[in-house]
Amino acid sequence: MAKTGSGSSGKRGLVLGAILLLAAGTFGLSRWWDGGSRAALVDVEVPTLSRLARKGEVAFEANCASCHGQNGAGTDKGPPLIYDTYNPGHHDDGAFVRAARFGVPQHHWRFGNMPPQPQVTDRELVAIIRYVRELQEANGIFYKPHIMQ
């Protein structure tokens, strides 16, 4: 009489299950990274903000949060800015200014091109950058030299 549920078929089932779980996790991560249909959210620790950063928070919520999410955590329309890719060594403050003034072609994520934001004043832009940088620092994102690969 044949045995059912023998050790070798049970091990095969566990291995197959582990492979399927790993594949599902990898697919989910790649969908998040590539800006798939799910929101690209990260957890953001909000510190006590400087006066300038508090002004930036107001301007960010009015002009940037619809795509980049509350506190720069990202959405399904735009990437999180509280993410190491946007550390000051890779995207300096000038990169944020250029993005707001001229827009940005899609390059790190698959959210499409970022359009220019002409409604944001120079003063608001300075405050927004301070806000983003203070959030980044509170979340362990600091200057790292960018090395082209």
N, C-alpha and C. Protein backbone atom coordinates (compact mmCIF):
# COMPACT_ATOMS: atom_id res chain seq x y z
N MET A 1 0.84 -1.17 0.00
CA MET A 1 0.00 0.00 0.00
C MET A 1 0.89 1.23 0.00
N ALA A 2 0.58 2.22 -0.84
CA ALA A 2 1.39 3.43 -0.95
C ALA A 2 1.11 4.35 0.24
N LYS A 3 2.18 4.97 0.72
CA LYS A 3 2.03 5.91 1.83
C LYS A 3 1.68 7.28 1.27
N THR A 4 0.83 8.01 1.97
CA THR A 4 0.54 9.39 1.59
C THR A 4 1.19 10.31 2.60
N GLY A 5 1.56 11.49 2.15
CA GLY A 5 2.17 12.47 3.06
C GLY A 5 3.53 12.04 3.54
N SER A 6 4.29 11.33 2.70
CA SER A 6 5.61 10.88 3.12
C SER A 6 6.54 12.07 3.29
N GLY A 7 7.66 11.86 3.95
CA GLY A 7 8.62 12.91 4.25
C GLY A 7 9.13 13.65 3.03
N SER A 8 9.44 12.93 1.93
CA SER A 8 10.01 13.61 0.77
C SER A 8 8.98 14.50 0.08
N SER A 9 7.73 14.05 -0.02
CA SER A 9 6.74 14.91 -0.66
C SER A 9 6.39 16.08 0.24
N GLY A 10 6.44 15.90 1.55
CA GLY A 10 6.21 17.00 2.48
C GLY A 10 7.30 18.06 2.36
N LYS A 11 8.56 17.60 2.20
CA LYS A 11 9.67 18.54 2.02
C LYS A 11 9.53 19.29 0.70
N ARG A 12 9.12 18.57 -0.34
CA ARG A 12 8.91 19.24 -1.63
C ARG A 12 7.84 20.31 -1.51
N GLY A 13 6.79 20.01 -0.76
CA GLY A 13 5.72 20.99 -0.56
C GLY A 13 6.22 22.22 0.19
N LEU A 14 7.08 22.00 1.20
CA LEU A 14 7.63 23.13 1.94
C LEU A 14 8.54 23.97 1.06
N VAL A 15 9.37 23.30 0.26
CA VAL A 15 10.27 24.03 -0.64
C VAL A 15 9.45 24.81 -1.67
N LEU A 16 8.45 24.18 -2.25
CA LEU A 16 7.60 24.87 -3.22
C LEU A 16 6.90 26.06 -2.56
N GLY A 17 6.40 25.87 -1.36
CA GLY A 17 5.75 26.97 -0.64
C GLY A 17 6.71 28.12 -0.38
N ALA A 18 7.94 27.80 0.02
CA ALA A 18 8.94 28.84 0.28
C ALA A 18 9.28 29.60 -1.00
N ILE A 19 9.39 28.87 -2.11
CA ILE A 19 9.68 29.52 -3.40
C ILE A 19 8.54 30.44 -3.80
N LEU A 20 7.31 29.99 -3.64
CA LEU A 20 6.16 30.83 -3.98
C LEU A 20 6.09 32.06 -3.09
N LEU A 21 6.36 31.90 -1.81
CA LEU A 21 6.36 33.03 -0.88
C LEU A 21 7.45 34.04 -1.25
N LEU A 22 8.64 33.55 -1.56
CA LEU A 22 9.74 34.42 -1.97
C LEU A 22 9.40 35.15 -3.26
N ALA A 23 8.81 34.45 -4.23
CA ALA A 23 8.45 35.08 -5.50
C ALA A 23 7.39 36.16 -5.27
N ALA A 24 6.40 35.87 -4.43
CA ALA A 24 5.36 36.86 -4.16
C ALA A 24 5.95 38.10 -3.49
N GLY A 25 6.86 37.88 -2.55
CA GLY A 25 7.50 39.01 -1.88
C GLY A 25 8.35 39.82 -2.83
N THR A 26 9.08 39.15 -3.69
CA THR A 26 9.91 39.84 -4.68
C THR A 26 9.05 40.62 -5.65
N PHE A 27 7.95 40.03 -6.09
CA PHE A 27 7.04 40.74 -7.00
C PHE A 27 6.47 41.98 -6.31
N GLY A 28 6.05 41.84 -5.07
CA GLY A 28 5.50 42.97 -4.32
C GLY A 28 6.52 44.08 -4.17
N LEU A 29 7.76 43.73 -3.85
CA LEU A 29 8.82 44.74 -3.69
C LEU A 29 9.10 45.42 -5.03
N SER A 30 9.14 44.64 -6.10
CA SER A 30 9.43 45.26 -7.40
C SER A 30 8.28 46.15 -7.83
N ARG A 31 7.05 45.80 -7.53
CA ARG A 31 5.91 46.66 -7.87
C ARG A 31 6.01 47.96 -7.08
N TRP A 32 6.39 47.89 -5.79
CA TRP A 32 6.56 49.10 -4.98
C TRP A 32 7.70 49.93 -5.54
N TRP A 33 8.83 49.33 -5.79
CA TRP A 33 10.01 50.06 -6.26
C TRP A 33 9.75 50.71 -7.61
N ASP A 34 9.05 50.01 -8.48
CA ASP A 34 8.82 50.51 -9.83
C ASP A 34 7.59 51.41 -9.93
N GLY A 35 6.95 51.69 -8.82
CA GLY A 35 5.78 52.56 -8.87
C GLY A 35 4.57 51.88 -9.46
N GLY A 36 4.39 50.60 -9.12
CA GLY A 36 3.25 49.86 -9.61
C GLY A 36 1.95 50.44 -9.08
N SER A 37 0.89 49.67 -9.17
CA SER A 37 -0.41 50.19 -8.83
C SER A 37 -0.58 50.45 -7.33
N ARG A 38 0.26 49.90 -6.50
CA ARG A 38 0.16 50.13 -5.06
C ARG A 38 0.86 51.44 -4.70
N ALA A 39 0.41 52.05 -3.63
CA ALA A 39 1.04 53.28 -3.16
C ALA A 39 2.46 52.99 -2.71
N ALA A 40 3.37 53.86 -3.06
CA ALA A 40 4.78 53.70 -2.69
C ALA A 40 5.03 54.45 -1.39
N LEU A 41 4.59 53.90 -0.29
CA LEU A 41 4.68 54.58 0.99
C LEU A 41 5.85 54.06 1.82
N VAL A 42 6.46 54.96 2.55
CA VAL A 42 7.47 54.60 3.54
C VAL A 42 7.03 55.20 4.86
N ASP A 43 7.47 54.62 5.95
CA ASP A 43 7.19 55.18 7.26
C ASP A 43 8.10 56.38 7.48
N VAL A 44 7.52 57.47 7.95
CA VAL A 44 8.28 58.69 8.15
C VAL A 44 8.14 59.15 9.59
N GLU A 45 9.25 59.30 10.26
CA GLU A 45 9.31 59.88 11.60
C GLU A 45 9.35 61.40 11.42
N VAL A 46 8.40 62.10 12.02
CA VAL A 46 8.37 63.55 11.88
C VAL A 46 8.98 64.18 13.14
N PRO A 47 10.09 64.91 12.97
CA PRO A 47 10.76 65.52 14.12
C PRO A 47 10.11 66.86 14.48
N THR A 48 10.59 67.45 15.54
CA THR A 48 10.25 68.84 15.82
C THR A 48 10.94 69.66 14.76
N LEU A 49 10.17 70.41 14.01
CA LEU A 49 10.69 71.13 12.86
C LEU A 49 11.13 72.54 13.22
N SER A 50 12.12 73.03 12.50
CA SER A 50 12.53 74.43 12.64
C SER A 50 11.41 75.32 12.10
N ARG A 51 11.51 76.60 12.36
CA ARG A 51 10.49 77.54 11.89
C ARG A 51 10.39 77.52 10.36
N LEU A 52 11.53 77.53 9.68
CA LEU A 52 11.54 77.50 8.23
C LEU A 52 10.92 76.20 7.71
N ALA A 53 11.26 75.08 8.33
CA ALA A 53 10.72 73.78 7.89
C ALA A 53 9.21 73.71 8.12
N ARG A 54 8.70 74.32 9.17
CA ARG A 54 7.24 74.35 9.39
C ARG A 54 6.55 75.11 8.24
N LYS A 55 7.17 76.20 7.77
CA LYS A 55 6.63 76.91 6.61
C LYS A 55 6.70 76.01 5.38
N GLY A 56 7.80 75.27 5.28
CA GLY A 56 7.95 74.34 4.17
C GLY A 56 6.92 73.23 4.20
N GLU A 57 6.57 72.79 5.39
CA GLU A 57 5.56 71.74 5.52
C GLU A 57 4.22 72.23 4.94
N VAL A 58 3.84 73.45 5.25
CA VAL A 58 2.60 74.02 4.73
C VAL A 58 2.65 74.10 3.20
N ALA A 59 3.76 74.60 2.67
CA ALA A 59 3.92 74.72 1.21
C ALA A 59 3.98 73.35 0.56
N PHE A 60 4.65 72.39 1.20
CA PHE A 60 4.74 71.03 0.66
C PHE A 60 3.35 70.41 0.58
N GLU A 61 2.58 70.52 1.65
CA GLU A 61 1.24 69.93 1.66
C GLU A 61 0.36 70.55 0.58
N ALA A 62 0.54 71.84 0.33
CA ALA A 62 -0.28 72.53 -0.68
C ALA A 62 0.16 72.22 -2.11
N ASN A 63 1.45 71.94 -2.33
CA ASN A 63 1.97 71.83 -3.69
C ASN A 63 2.56 70.48 -4.08
N CYS A 64 2.96 69.69 -3.11
CA CYS A 64 3.73 68.48 -3.42
C CYS A 64 3.08 67.19 -2.93
N ALA A 65 2.32 67.27 -1.84
CA ALA A 65 1.81 66.07 -1.18
C ALA A 65 0.84 65.26 -2.03
N SER A 66 0.16 65.90 -2.97
CA SER A 66 -0.79 65.13 -3.80
C SER A 66 -0.08 64.02 -4.57
N CYS A 67 1.18 64.21 -4.90
CA CYS A 67 1.96 63.16 -5.57
C CYS A 67 2.97 62.50 -4.63
N HIS A 68 3.71 63.31 -3.86
CA HIS A 68 4.78 62.77 -3.02
C HIS A 68 4.31 62.34 -1.64
N GLY A 69 3.04 62.53 -1.33
CA GLY A 69 2.46 62.04 -0.09
C GLY A 69 2.71 62.95 1.10
N GLN A 70 1.90 62.75 2.12
CA GLN A 70 2.07 63.50 3.35
C GLN A 70 3.45 63.20 3.91
N ASN A 71 4.14 64.25 4.32
CA ASN A 71 5.51 64.14 4.86
C ASN A 71 6.48 63.49 3.88
N GLY A 72 6.18 63.56 2.59
CA GLY A 72 7.09 63.02 1.58
C GLY A 72 7.18 61.51 1.56
N ALA A 73 6.14 60.83 2.07
CA ALA A 73 6.16 59.37 2.18
C ALA A 73 5.83 58.66 0.87
N GLY A 74 5.44 59.41 -0.18
CA GLY A 74 5.14 58.80 -1.46
C GLY A 74 3.70 58.36 -1.60
N THR A 75 3.27 58.24 -2.84
CA THR A 75 1.94 57.72 -3.17
C THR A 75 2.08 56.92 -4.45
N ASP A 76 0.95 56.48 -5.00
CA ASP A 76 1.02 55.78 -6.28
C ASP A 76 1.19 56.75 -7.45
N LYS A 77 1.28 58.06 -7.14
CA LYS A 77 1.50 59.08 -8.17
C LYS A 77 2.91 59.64 -8.17
N GLY A 78 3.65 59.44 -7.08
CA GLY A 78 5.00 59.99 -6.99
C GLY A 78 5.82 59.32 -5.91
N PRO A 79 7.13 59.33 -6.06
CA PRO A 79 7.99 58.59 -5.13
C PRO A 79 8.12 59.27 -3.77
N PRO A 80 8.51 58.48 -2.78
CA PRO A 80 8.81 59.07 -1.48
C PRO A 80 10.11 59.88 -1.56
N LEU A 81 10.10 61.05 -0.97
CA LEU A 81 11.33 61.86 -0.91
C LEU A 81 12.13 61.54 0.33
N ILE A 82 11.50 60.85 1.27
CA ILE A 82 12.20 60.40 2.48
C ILE A 82 12.71 59.00 2.16
N TYR A 83 13.69 58.99 1.28
CA TYR A 83 14.25 57.77 0.72
C TYR A 83 15.69 58.07 0.36
N ASP A 84 16.58 57.12 0.56
CA ASP A 84 18.01 57.38 0.42
C ASP A 84 18.42 57.88 -0.97
N THR A 85 17.65 57.54 -1.99
CA THR A 85 17.96 58.03 -3.33
C THR A 85 18.02 59.55 -3.37
N TYR A 86 17.25 60.19 -2.50
CA TYR A 86 17.18 61.65 -2.49
C TYR A 86 18.09 62.29 -1.46
N ASN A 87 19.09 61.54 -0.98
CA ASN A 87 20.05 62.13 -0.04
C ASN A 87 20.79 63.27 -0.73
N PRO A 88 21.27 64.24 0.04
CA PRO A 88 21.89 65.43 -0.56
C PRO A 88 23.10 65.17 -1.44
N GLY A 89 23.75 64.02 -1.30
CA GLY A 89 24.88 63.70 -2.16
C GLY A 89 24.45 63.22 -3.53
N HIS A 90 23.23 62.74 -3.65
CA HIS A 90 22.73 62.28 -4.94
C HIS A 90 21.80 63.31 -5.56
N HIS A 91 20.94 63.90 -4.76
CA HIS A 91 20.06 64.98 -5.21
C HIS A 91 20.28 66.17 -4.28
N ASP A 92 21.16 67.07 -4.69
CA ASP A 92 21.43 68.24 -3.86
C ASP A 92 20.23 69.19 -3.92
N ASP A 93 20.29 70.27 -3.14
CA ASP A 93 19.18 71.21 -3.10
C ASP A 93 18.87 71.76 -4.48
N GLY A 94 19.89 71.96 -5.30
CA GLY A 94 19.68 72.46 -6.66
C GLY A 94 18.83 71.51 -7.50
N ALA A 95 18.93 70.22 -7.24
CA ALA A 95 18.12 69.25 -7.98
C ALA A 95 16.64 69.44 -7.66
N PHE A 96 16.33 69.77 -6.42
CA PHE A 96 14.95 70.02 -6.04
C PHE A 96 14.45 71.31 -6.71
N VAL A 97 15.30 72.33 -6.76
CA VAL A 97 14.94 73.59 -7.42
C VAL A 97 14.68 73.33 -8.90
N ARG A 98 15.59 72.63 -9.55
CA ARG A 98 15.42 72.34 -10.99
C ARG A 98 14.16 71.51 -11.24
N ALA A 99 13.88 70.56 -10.36
CA ALA A 99 12.68 69.74 -10.53
C ALA A 99 11.42 70.60 -10.47
N ALA A 100 11.37 71.50 -9.50
CA ALA A 100 10.19 72.36 -9.36
C ALA A 100 10.07 73.34 -10.53
N ARG A 101 11.19 73.86 -10.98
CA ARG A 101 11.17 74.88 -12.03
C ARG A 101 10.98 74.30 -13.44
N PHE A 102 11.63 73.17 -13.72
CA PHE A 102 11.66 72.65 -15.08
C PHE A 102 11.01 71.28 -15.25
N GLY A 103 10.63 70.66 -14.14
CA GLY A 103 10.12 69.30 -14.22
C GLY A 103 11.28 68.31 -14.29
N VAL A 104 10.95 67.04 -14.25
CA VAL A 104 11.97 65.98 -14.27
C VAL A 104 11.47 64.83 -15.13
N PRO A 105 12.29 64.39 -16.10
CA PRO A 105 11.89 63.18 -16.83
C PRO A 105 12.02 61.96 -15.91
N GLN A 106 11.16 61.02 -16.11
CA GLN A 106 11.20 59.79 -15.32
C GLN A 106 12.59 59.18 -15.38
N HIS A 107 13.14 58.82 -14.21
CA HIS A 107 14.44 58.14 -14.25
C HIS A 107 14.64 57.16 -13.11
N HIS A 108 14.33 57.47 -11.86
CA HIS A 108 14.52 56.51 -10.77
C HIS A 108 13.32 55.58 -10.59
N TRP A 109 12.16 56.05 -10.91
CA TRP A 109 10.92 55.34 -10.63
C TRP A 109 10.06 55.33 -11.89
N ARG A 110 9.01 54.55 -11.87
CA ARG A 110 8.09 54.49 -13.01
C ARG A 110 6.78 55.23 -12.71
N PHE A 111 6.89 56.46 -12.30
CA PHE A 111 5.71 57.27 -12.04
C PHE A 111 5.42 58.22 -13.19
N GLY A 112 6.23 58.22 -14.19
CA GLY A 112 6.08 59.17 -15.28
C GLY A 112 6.88 60.43 -14.99
N ASN A 113 6.81 61.37 -15.89
CA ASN A 113 7.55 62.62 -15.74
C ASN A 113 6.91 63.50 -14.68
N MET A 114 7.75 64.24 -13.95
CA MET A 114 7.24 65.24 -13.01
C MET A 114 7.11 66.55 -13.78
N PRO A 115 5.92 67.14 -13.77
CA PRO A 115 5.78 68.42 -14.47
C PRO A 115 6.37 69.57 -13.65
N PRO A 116 6.72 70.67 -14.30
CA PRO A 116 7.18 71.85 -13.56
C PRO A 116 6.08 72.33 -12.60
N GLN A 117 6.49 73.00 -11.56
CA GLN A 117 5.56 73.52 -10.55
C GLN A 117 5.71 75.04 -10.46
N PRO A 118 5.28 75.78 -11.48
CA PRO A 118 5.52 77.23 -11.52
C PRO A 118 4.81 78.01 -10.42
N GLN A 119 3.79 77.42 -9.79
CA GLN A 119 3.06 78.12 -8.74
C GLN A 119 3.86 78.23 -7.44
N VAL A 120 4.91 77.42 -7.30
CA VAL A 120 5.72 77.44 -6.08
C VAL A 120 6.71 78.61 -6.17
N THR A 121 6.65 79.50 -5.19
CA THR A 121 7.53 80.66 -5.18
C THR A 121 8.94 80.25 -4.74
N ASP A 122 9.91 81.11 -5.00
CA ASP A 122 11.28 80.83 -4.56
C ASP A 122 11.34 80.68 -3.04
N ARG A 123 10.64 81.55 -2.33
CA ARG A 123 10.62 81.49 -0.87
C ARG A 123 10.01 80.17 -0.37
N GLU A 124 8.92 79.74 -1.00
CA GLU A 124 8.30 78.47 -0.63
C GLU A 124 9.24 77.31 -0.92
N LEU A 125 9.93 77.39 -2.05
CA LEU A 125 10.83 76.31 -2.44
C LEU A 125 11.97 76.15 -1.45
N VAL A 126 12.53 77.24 -0.98
CA VAL A 126 13.58 77.18 0.04
C VAL A 126 13.04 76.50 1.29
N ALA A 127 11.83 76.86 1.69
CA ALA A 127 11.23 76.27 2.90
C ALA A 127 10.90 74.79 2.69
N ILE A 128 10.41 74.44 1.50
CA ILE A 128 10.10 73.02 1.21
C ILE A 128 11.36 72.18 1.29
N ILE A 129 12.45 72.66 0.72
CA ILE A 129 13.71 71.91 0.75
C ILE A 129 14.17 71.73 2.19
N ARG A 130 14.07 72.77 3.01
CA ARG A 130 14.46 72.65 4.43
C ARG A 130 13.60 71.60 5.11
N TYR A 131 12.31 71.61 4.83
CA TYR A 131 11.37 70.64 5.40
C TYR A 131 11.76 69.21 5.02
N VAL A 132 12.00 69.00 3.74
CA VAL A 132 12.37 67.65 3.27
C VAL A 132 13.69 67.23 3.91
N ARG A 133 14.66 68.10 3.97
CA ARG A 133 15.96 67.75 4.55
C ARG A 133 15.84 67.42 6.04
N GLU A 134 15.03 68.17 6.78
CA GLU A 134 14.86 67.85 8.20
C GLU A 134 14.15 66.52 8.38
N LEU A 135 13.17 66.22 7.54
CA LEU A 135 12.53 64.90 7.59
C LEU A 135 13.53 63.81 7.26
N GLN A 136 14.35 64.03 6.23
CA GLN A 136 15.34 63.03 5.85
C GLN A 136 16.30 62.75 7.01
N GLU A 137 16.83 63.81 7.60
CA GLU A 137 17.78 63.62 8.71
C GLU A 137 17.15 62.87 9.87
N ALA A 138 15.90 63.19 10.19
CA ALA A 138 15.20 62.51 11.28
C ALA A 138 14.99 61.03 10.98
N ASN A 139 15.06 60.68 9.70
CA ASN A 139 14.85 59.30 9.28
C ASN A 139 16.14 58.63 8.80
N GLY A 140 17.28 59.19 9.23
CA GLY A 140 18.57 58.56 8.98
C GLY A 140 19.12 58.75 7.58
N ILE A 141 18.62 59.72 6.85
CA ILE A 141 19.10 59.97 5.49
C ILE A 141 20.00 61.19 5.52
N PHE A 142 21.28 60.95 5.25
CA PHE A 142 22.29 62.01 5.29
C PHE A 142 23.07 62.01 3.99
N TYR A 143 23.91 62.99 3.82
CA TYR A 143 24.75 63.12 2.64
C TYR A 143 25.60 61.87 2.44
N LYS A 144 25.55 61.34 1.24
CA LYS A 144 26.45 60.26 0.81
C LYS A 144 26.92 60.65 -0.58
N PRO A 145 28.22 60.61 -0.83
CA PRO A 145 28.68 60.96 -2.17
C PRO A 145 28.08 60.02 -3.21
N HIS A 146 27.65 60.60 -4.31
CA HIS A 146 27.07 59.79 -5.38
C HIS A 146 28.20 59.29 -6.27
N ILE A 147 28.22 57.99 -6.48
CA ILE A 147 29.25 57.36 -7.32
C ILE A 147 28.56 56.76 -8.53
N MET A 148 28.91 57.24 -9.71
CA MET A 148 28.32 56.70 -10.94
C MET A 148 28.82 55.28 -11.14
N GLN A 149 27.92 54.42 -11.56
CA GLN A 149 28.30 53.02 -11.79
C GLN A 149 28.21 52.67 -13.24
